[in-house]
Amino acid sequence: MQLVDGESLDAENVNEVLGDASGILVPGGFGKRALEGKILAAEFAREHKIPYLGICLGMQVAVCEFARNVVGLAGASSSEFDPDGPYSVIDLMSSQEDVTEKQRTVLLLYYAEGYNMREIGEKLGVDKSTVARTIKRGEARLRRCLRYGAEAFLNAAAEGPP
């Protein structure tokens, strides 16, 4: 297993850095940092038929890569990173529009620390139902990603490229 910093990945070194990979995992993350390197990793995986598992942001990266390089939507991105971009192929759910990115992150951290939904809502200035929806969706999404993606990823990585 090798950790690759997405900020250091570029078109000139992608073959050298990822060429021996039997699988590529792009985990969740926040913000635009290393986004283009992550998109490049997704492209490399697709083009070389290497198993790819994108968790949360990693799946968004794969969608953006596919939209750009297969569908032909140059500059396709997420409205979270590029709200004025030419093609927003990933968008924020309307039920989450009143919760900022920082609030979502802090909300989940408070939840992990054991705070209850009322306490979290008070700390962040959002209602308890928004807190509950965010936690429920985040947990469900993570469970689905791990259940369906991890098993397929690990099996495919063990078999290696076709």
Protein backbone atom coordinates (compact mmCIF):
# COMPACT_ATOMS: atom_id res chain seq x y z
CA MET A 1 0.00 0.00 0.00
CA GLN A 2 1.32 3.44 -0.92
CA LEU A 3 0.04 6.86 0.13
CA VAL A 4 0.11 9.37 -2.73
CA ASP A 5 -0.27 13.10 -2.11
CA GLY A 6 -2.76 14.33 -4.72
CA GLU A 7 -1.06 17.73 -4.79
CA SER A 8 2.12 16.13 -6.12
CA LEU A 9 0.37 14.09 -8.83
CA ASP A 10 0.50 15.54 -12.34
CA ALA A 11 0.39 14.44 -15.96
CA GLU A 12 4.18 14.08 -16.07
CA ASN A 13 4.50 11.69 -13.10
CA VAL A 14 1.18 9.82 -12.98
CA ASN A 15 2.54 6.76 -14.83
CA GLU A 16 5.56 6.54 -12.56
CA VAL A 17 3.56 7.06 -9.35
CA LEU A 18 0.49 4.91 -10.12
CA GLY A 19 1.83 2.51 -12.75
CA ASP A 20 2.28 -0.44 -10.37
CA ALA A 21 -1.01 0.07 -8.52
CA SER A 22 -3.38 -2.89 -8.34
CA GLY A 23 -6.12 -0.62 -6.96
CA ILE A 24 -6.67 3.08 -6.27
CA LEU A 25 -8.64 4.44 -3.33
CA VAL A 26 -9.53 8.12 -3.13
CA PRO A 27 -10.99 8.82 0.31
CA GLY A 28 -13.30 11.56 1.49
CA GLY A 29 -11.98 15.03 2.03
CA PHE A 30 -13.00 18.64 2.16
CA GLY A 31 -12.31 21.54 -0.15
CA LYS A 32 -10.47 21.88 -3.44
CA ARG A 33 -7.04 20.89 -2.16
CA ALA A 34 -5.44 18.33 -4.49
CA LEU A 35 -8.67 18.04 -6.49
CA GLU A 36 -6.98 17.97 -9.91
CA GLY A 37 -4.50 15.32 -8.76
CA LYS A 38 -7.38 13.19 -7.51
CA ILE A 39 -9.18 13.60 -10.84
CA LEU A 40 -5.98 12.54 -12.59
CA ALA A 41 -5.81 9.40 -10.39
CA ALA A 42 -9.41 8.54 -11.31
CA GLU A 43 -8.61 9.01 -14.99
CA PHE A 44 -5.54 6.79 -14.70
CA ALA A 45 -7.60 4.07 -13.00
CA ARG A 46 -10.31 4.20 -15.67
CA GLU A 47 -7.91 4.22 -18.61
CA HIS A 48 -5.76 1.40 -17.22
CA LYS A 49 -8.70 -0.67 -15.93
CA ILE A 50 -7.40 -0.49 -12.35
CA PRO A 51 -10.03 -0.99 -9.64
CA TYR A 52 -11.03 2.38 -8.18
CA LEU A 53 -12.89 3.09 -4.95
CA GLY A 54 -13.98 6.65 -4.35
CA ILE A 55 -15.43 7.35 -0.93
CA CYS A 56 -17.53 10.52 -0.68
CA LEU A 57 -15.27 13.13 -2.33
CA GLY A 58 -13.50 10.27 -4.11
CA MET A 59 -16.77 9.33 -5.84
CA GLN A 60 -17.39 12.97 -6.77
CA VAL A 61 -13.91 13.03 -8.29
CA ALA A 62 -14.71 9.97 -10.41
CA VAL A 63 -17.95 11.56 -11.65
CA CYS A 64 -16.12 14.78 -12.58
CA GLU A 65 -13.36 12.84 -14.36
CA PHE A 66 -15.88 10.80 -16.35
CA ALA A 67 -17.88 13.91 -17.28
CA ARG A 68 -14.74 15.69 -18.46
CA ASN A 69 -12.95 12.91 -20.31
CA VAL A 70 -15.68 10.57 -21.53
CA VAL A 71 -18.76 12.76 -21.88
CA GLY A 72 -16.72 15.75 -23.09
CA LEU A 73 -17.83 18.37 -20.56
CA ALA A 74 -14.59 20.33 -20.24
CA GLY A 75 -14.21 21.84 -16.78
CA ALA A 76 -16.94 19.67 -15.22
CA SER A 77 -16.80 19.95 -11.45
CA SER A 78 -18.90 20.19 -8.32
CA SER A 79 -20.91 23.27 -7.44
CA GLU A 80 -19.26 23.00 -4.02
CA PHE A 81 -15.82 23.74 -5.51
CA ASP A 82 -16.71 25.79 -8.56
CA PRO A 83 -20.19 27.33 -8.19
CA ASP A 84 -19.78 29.36 -11.39
CA GLY A 85 -18.14 26.59 -13.43
CA PRO A 86 -19.37 25.57 -16.87
CA TYR A 87 -20.78 22.18 -15.76
CA SER A 88 -21.77 21.34 -12.20
CA VAL A 89 -22.15 17.57 -12.42
CA ILE A 90 -22.29 17.31 -8.60
CA ASP A 91 -24.60 19.58 -6.64
CA LEU A 92 -25.50 20.12 -3.01
CA MET A 93 -28.77 18.55 -1.86
CA SER A 94 -31.41 21.22 -1.31
CA SER A 95 -31.96 20.00 2.25
CA GLN A 96 -28.31 20.80 2.99
CA GLU A 97 -28.23 24.32 1.53
CA ASP A 98 -28.61 25.94 4.95
CA VAL A 99 -25.62 24.01 6.36
CA THR A 100 -22.17 25.25 5.35
CA GLU A 101 -19.27 22.91 4.57
CA LYS A 102 -17.56 23.87 7.81
CA GLN A 103 -20.76 23.29 9.78
CA ARG A 104 -21.18 19.80 8.28
CA THR A 105 -17.63 18.90 9.23
CA VAL A 106 -17.94 20.30 12.74
CA LEU A 107 -21.39 18.72 13.13
CA LEU A 108 -20.03 15.25 12.39
CA LEU A 109 -17.06 15.84 14.70
CA TYR A 110 -19.38 16.87 17.55
CA TYR A 111 -21.49 13.80 16.88
CA ALA A 112 -18.42 11.57 17.00
CA GLU A 113 -17.48 13.20 20.32
CA GLY A 114 -20.83 12.15 21.80
CA TYR A 115 -22.81 15.39 21.74
CA ASN A 116 -26.56 14.92 21.22
CA MET A 117 -28.47 16.51 18.34
CA ARG A 118 -29.93 19.34 20.44
CA GLU A 119 -26.48 20.31 21.76
CA ILE A 120 -24.97 20.24 18.29
CA GLY A 121 -27.80 22.36 16.89
CA GLU A 122 -27.31 24.93 19.64
CA LYS A 123 -23.54 25.07 19.07
CA LEU A 124 -23.92 25.54 15.31
CA GLY A 125 -27.10 27.60 15.24
CA VAL A 126 -29.09 25.10 13.17
CA ASP A 127 -32.28 23.26 14.09
CA LYS A 128 -32.25 19.74 15.51
CA SER A 129 -33.93 18.24 12.42
CA THR A 130 -31.14 19.56 10.16
CA VAL A 131 -28.58 17.96 12.48
CA ALA A 132 -30.48 14.66 12.45
CA ARG A 133 -30.80 14.63 8.63
CA THR A 134 -27.11 15.40 8.14
CA ILE A 135 -25.99 12.66 10.52
CA LYS A 136 -28.44 10.09 9.19
CA ARG A 137 -27.48 10.73 5.57
CA GLY A 138 -23.78 10.80 6.34
CA GLU A 139 -23.91 7.50 8.21
CA ALA A 140 -26.09 5.81 5.59
CA ARG A 141 -23.87 7.00 2.76
CA LEU A 142 -20.74 5.79 4.50
CA ARG A 143 -22.28 2.38 5.24
CA ARG A 144 -23.37 1.98 1.59
CA CYS A 145 -19.96 3.03 0.28
CA LEU A 146 -18.15 0.66 2.56
CA ARG A 147 -20.53 -2.26 2.12
CA TYR A 148 -20.76 -2.17 -1.68
CA GLY A 149 -17.49 -0.56 -2.62
CA ALA A 150 -14.92 -2.00 -0.28
CA GLU A 151 -15.69 -5.65 -1.01
CA ALA A 152 -15.66 -5.14 -4.77
CA PHE A 153 -12.54 -2.99 -4.55
CA LEU A 154 -10.61 -5.49 -2.45
CA ASN A 155 -11.63 -8.43 -4.66
CA ALA A 156 -10.69 -6.60 -7.85
CA ALA A 157 -7.40 -5.34 -6.39
CA ALA A 158 -6.46 -8.86 -5.32
CA GLU A 159 -7.06 -10.11 -8.87
CA GLY A 160 -5.06 -7.27 -10.40
CA PRO A 161 -5.66 -5.53 -13.73
CA PRO A 162 -7.25 -7.60 -16.51
